[in-house]
Amino acid sequence: MSNPFESQVSVLQDPARDIFPITPSDSADLPQVAVGIYVEQGGALRIDTVAGHTRTVLVGNLCLLPVGVRRVRLTGTTALGLHGLTV
């Protein structure tokens, strides 16, 4: 099968190359920085951004939040089915 990503250098404008499940934690960063978060069931999402700020946003079902995230906090997060997008 042909792989169009094989010889490409990743940049933020490209589609995500992978997605991983997120387990919110107040003490642990994500295994890698996410360039976005996909949310299956909406609610509050408390995140630490790559800019160093902690933010709480309300997101809907099947939402894609295009922001660089290093941690999703357990306290304050009610959204479910979280997935990090990576390049």
C-alpha atoms as a PDB file:
ATOM      1  CA  MET A   1       0.000   0.000   0.000  1.00  0.00           C
ATOM      2  CA  SER A   2       1.240   3.483  -0.818  1.00  0.00           C
ATOM      3  CA  ASN A   3       1.881   5.733   2.207  1.00  0.00           C
ATOM      4  CA  PRO A   4       1.669   9.474   1.358  1.00  0.00           C
ATOM      5  CA  PHE A   5       3.166  10.373   4.775  1.00  0.00           C
ATOM      6  CA  GLU A   6       6.298   8.224   4.371  1.00  0.00           C
ATOM      7  CA  SER A   7       8.627  10.839   2.879  1.00  0.00           C
ATOM      8  CA  GLN A   8       6.964  13.925   4.329  1.00  0.00           C
ATOM      9  CA  VAL A   9       8.240  16.099   7.160  1.00  0.00           C
ATOM     10  CA  SER A  10       5.430  16.779   9.625  1.00  0.00           C
ATOM     11  CA  VAL A  11       4.197  20.344  10.048  1.00  0.00           C
ATOM     12  CA  LEU A  12       1.273  21.604  12.087  1.00  0.00           C
ATOM     13  CA  GLN A  13      -0.861  22.268   8.999  1.00  0.00           C
ATOM     14  CA  ASP A  14      -0.792  18.567   8.065  1.00  0.00           C
ATOM     15  CA  PRO A  15      -3.454  16.115   9.183  1.00  0.00           C
ATOM     16  CA  ALA A  16      -2.690  14.259  12.382  1.00  0.00           C
ATOM     17  CA  ARG A  17      -0.478  11.198  11.920  1.00  0.00           C
ATOM     18  CA  ASP A  18      -1.744   9.387  14.977  1.00  0.00           C
ATOM     19  CA  ILE A  19      -4.289   9.547  17.774  1.00  0.00           C
ATOM     20  CA  PHE A  20      -4.001   8.233  21.330  1.00  0.00           C
ATOM     21  CA  PRO A  21      -6.437   7.849  24.233  1.00  0.00           C
ATOM     22  CA  ILE A  22      -6.162  10.417  27.002  1.00  0.00           C
ATOM     23  CA  THR A  23      -6.626   9.582  30.668  1.00  0.00           C
ATOM     24  CA  PRO A  24      -6.974  12.871  32.567  1.00  0.00           C
ATOM     25  CA  SER A  25      -4.489  13.368  35.414  1.00  0.00           C
ATOM     26  CA  ASP A  26      -3.723  16.210  37.786  1.00  0.00           C
ATOM     27  CA  SER A  27      -0.081  15.124  38.118  1.00  0.00           C
ATOM     28  CA  ALA A  28       1.081  13.626  34.803  1.00  0.00           C
ATOM     29  CA  ASP A  29       1.620  15.217  31.413  1.00  0.00           C
ATOM     30  CA  LEU A  30       0.436  13.459  28.274  1.00  0.00           C
ATOM     31  CA  PRO A  31       2.927  10.965  26.824  1.00  0.00           C
ATOM     32  CA  GLN A  32       3.469  13.495  24.029  1.00  0.00           C
ATOM     33  CA  VAL A  33       2.148  16.961  23.309  1.00  0.00           C
ATOM     34  CA  ALA A  34      -1.175  16.826  21.476  1.00  0.00           C
ATOM     35  CA  VAL A  35      -1.791  19.290  18.642  1.00  0.00           C
ATOM     36  CA  GLY A  36      -5.499  18.844  19.213  1.00  0.00           C
ATOM     37  CA  ILE A  37      -8.021  16.898  21.241  1.00  0.00           C
ATOM     38  CA  TYR A  38     -10.972  14.932  19.925  1.00  0.00           C
ATOM     39  CA  VAL A  39     -13.878  14.672  22.399  1.00  0.00           C
ATOM     40  CA  GLU A  40     -16.559  11.994  22.066  1.00  0.00           C
ATOM     41  CA  GLN A  41     -18.890  13.205  24.844  1.00  0.00           C
ATOM     42  CA  GLY A  42     -18.969  16.896  25.615  1.00  0.00           C
ATOM     43  CA  GLY A  43     -18.524  18.649  28.922  1.00  0.00           C
ATOM     44  CA  ALA A  44     -15.839  20.674  30.647  1.00  0.00           C
ATOM     45  CA  LEU A  45     -12.239  20.169  29.605  1.00  0.00           C
ATOM     46  CA  ARG A  46      -9.490  21.478  31.913  1.00  0.00           C
ATOM     47  CA  ILE A  47      -6.176  21.578  30.074  1.00  0.00           C
ATOM     48  CA  ASP A  48      -2.610  22.826  30.400  1.00  0.00           C
ATOM     49  CA  THR A  49      -1.623  24.389  27.082  1.00  0.00           C
ATOM     50  CA  VAL A  50       1.809  24.359  25.493  1.00  0.00           C
ATOM     51  CA  ALA A  51       1.875  28.095  26.211  1.00  0.00           C
ATOM     52  CA  GLY A  52       1.896  27.265  29.931  1.00  0.00           C
ATOM     53  CA  HIS A  53      -1.645  28.258  30.862  1.00  0.00           C
ATOM     54  CA  THR A  54      -4.355  26.202  32.555  1.00  0.00           C
ATOM     55  CA  ARG A  55      -7.698  26.705  30.828  1.00  0.00           C
ATOM     56  CA  THR A  56     -11.201  25.336  31.209  1.00  0.00           C
ATOM     57  CA  VAL A  57     -13.367  25.168  28.097  1.00  0.00           C
ATOM     58  CA  LEU A  58     -16.803  23.711  27.479  1.00  0.00           C
ATOM     59  CA  VAL A  59     -16.904  21.423  24.471  1.00  0.00           C
ATOM     60  CA  GLY A  60     -19.726  19.627  22.698  1.00  0.00           C
ATOM     61  CA  ASN A  61     -20.125  16.035  21.600  1.00  0.00           C
ATOM     62  CA  LEU A  62     -17.790  14.924  18.789  1.00  0.00           C
ATOM     63  CA  CYS A  63     -15.717  18.096  19.158  1.00  0.00           C
ATOM     64  CA  LEU A  64     -12.237  18.716  17.797  1.00  0.00           C
ATOM     65  CA  LEU A  65     -10.299  21.276  19.847  1.00  0.00           C
ATOM     66  CA  PRO A  66      -7.275  22.470  17.818  1.00  0.00           C
ATOM     67  CA  VAL A  67      -4.924  23.621  20.579  1.00  0.00           C
ATOM     68  CA  GLY A  68      -1.530  22.385  21.761  1.00  0.00           C
ATOM     69  CA  VAL A  69      -2.033  20.510  25.045  1.00  0.00           C
ATOM     70  CA  ARG A  70       0.519  18.992  27.416  1.00  0.00           C
ATOM     71  CA  ARG A  71      -1.872  17.869  30.194  1.00  0.00           C
ATOM     72  CA  VAL A  72      -5.578  17.183  30.610  1.00  0.00           C
ATOM     73  CA  ARG A  73      -6.484  17.620  34.250  1.00  0.00           C
ATOM     74  CA  LEU A  74      -8.752  15.184  36.074  1.00  0.00           C
ATOM     75  CA  THR A  75     -10.109  17.859  38.402  1.00  0.00           C
ATOM     76  CA  GLY A  76     -12.481  20.022  36.389  1.00  0.00           C
ATOM     77  CA  THR A  77     -12.794  17.700  33.388  1.00  0.00           C
ATOM     78  CA  THR A  78     -16.202  16.140  32.775  1.00  0.00           C
ATOM     79  CA  ALA A  79     -15.879  15.477  29.018  1.00  0.00           C
ATOM     80  CA  LEU A  80     -15.409  11.809  28.103  1.00  0.00           C
ATOM     81  CA  GLY A  81     -13.808   9.797  25.324  1.00  0.00           C
ATOM     82  CA  LEU A  82     -10.755  12.019  24.951  1.00  0.00           C
ATOM     83  CA  HIS A  83      -8.120  11.424  22.284  1.00  0.00           C
ATOM     84  CA  GLY A  84      -4.926  13.374  21.576  1.00  0.00           C
ATOM     85  CA  LEU A  85      -3.889  14.088  17.988  1.00  0.00           C
ATOM     86  CA  THR A  86      -0.197  14.073  17.069  1.00  0.00           C
ATOM     87  CA  VAL A  87       1.876  14.982  14.026  1.00  0.00           C
END
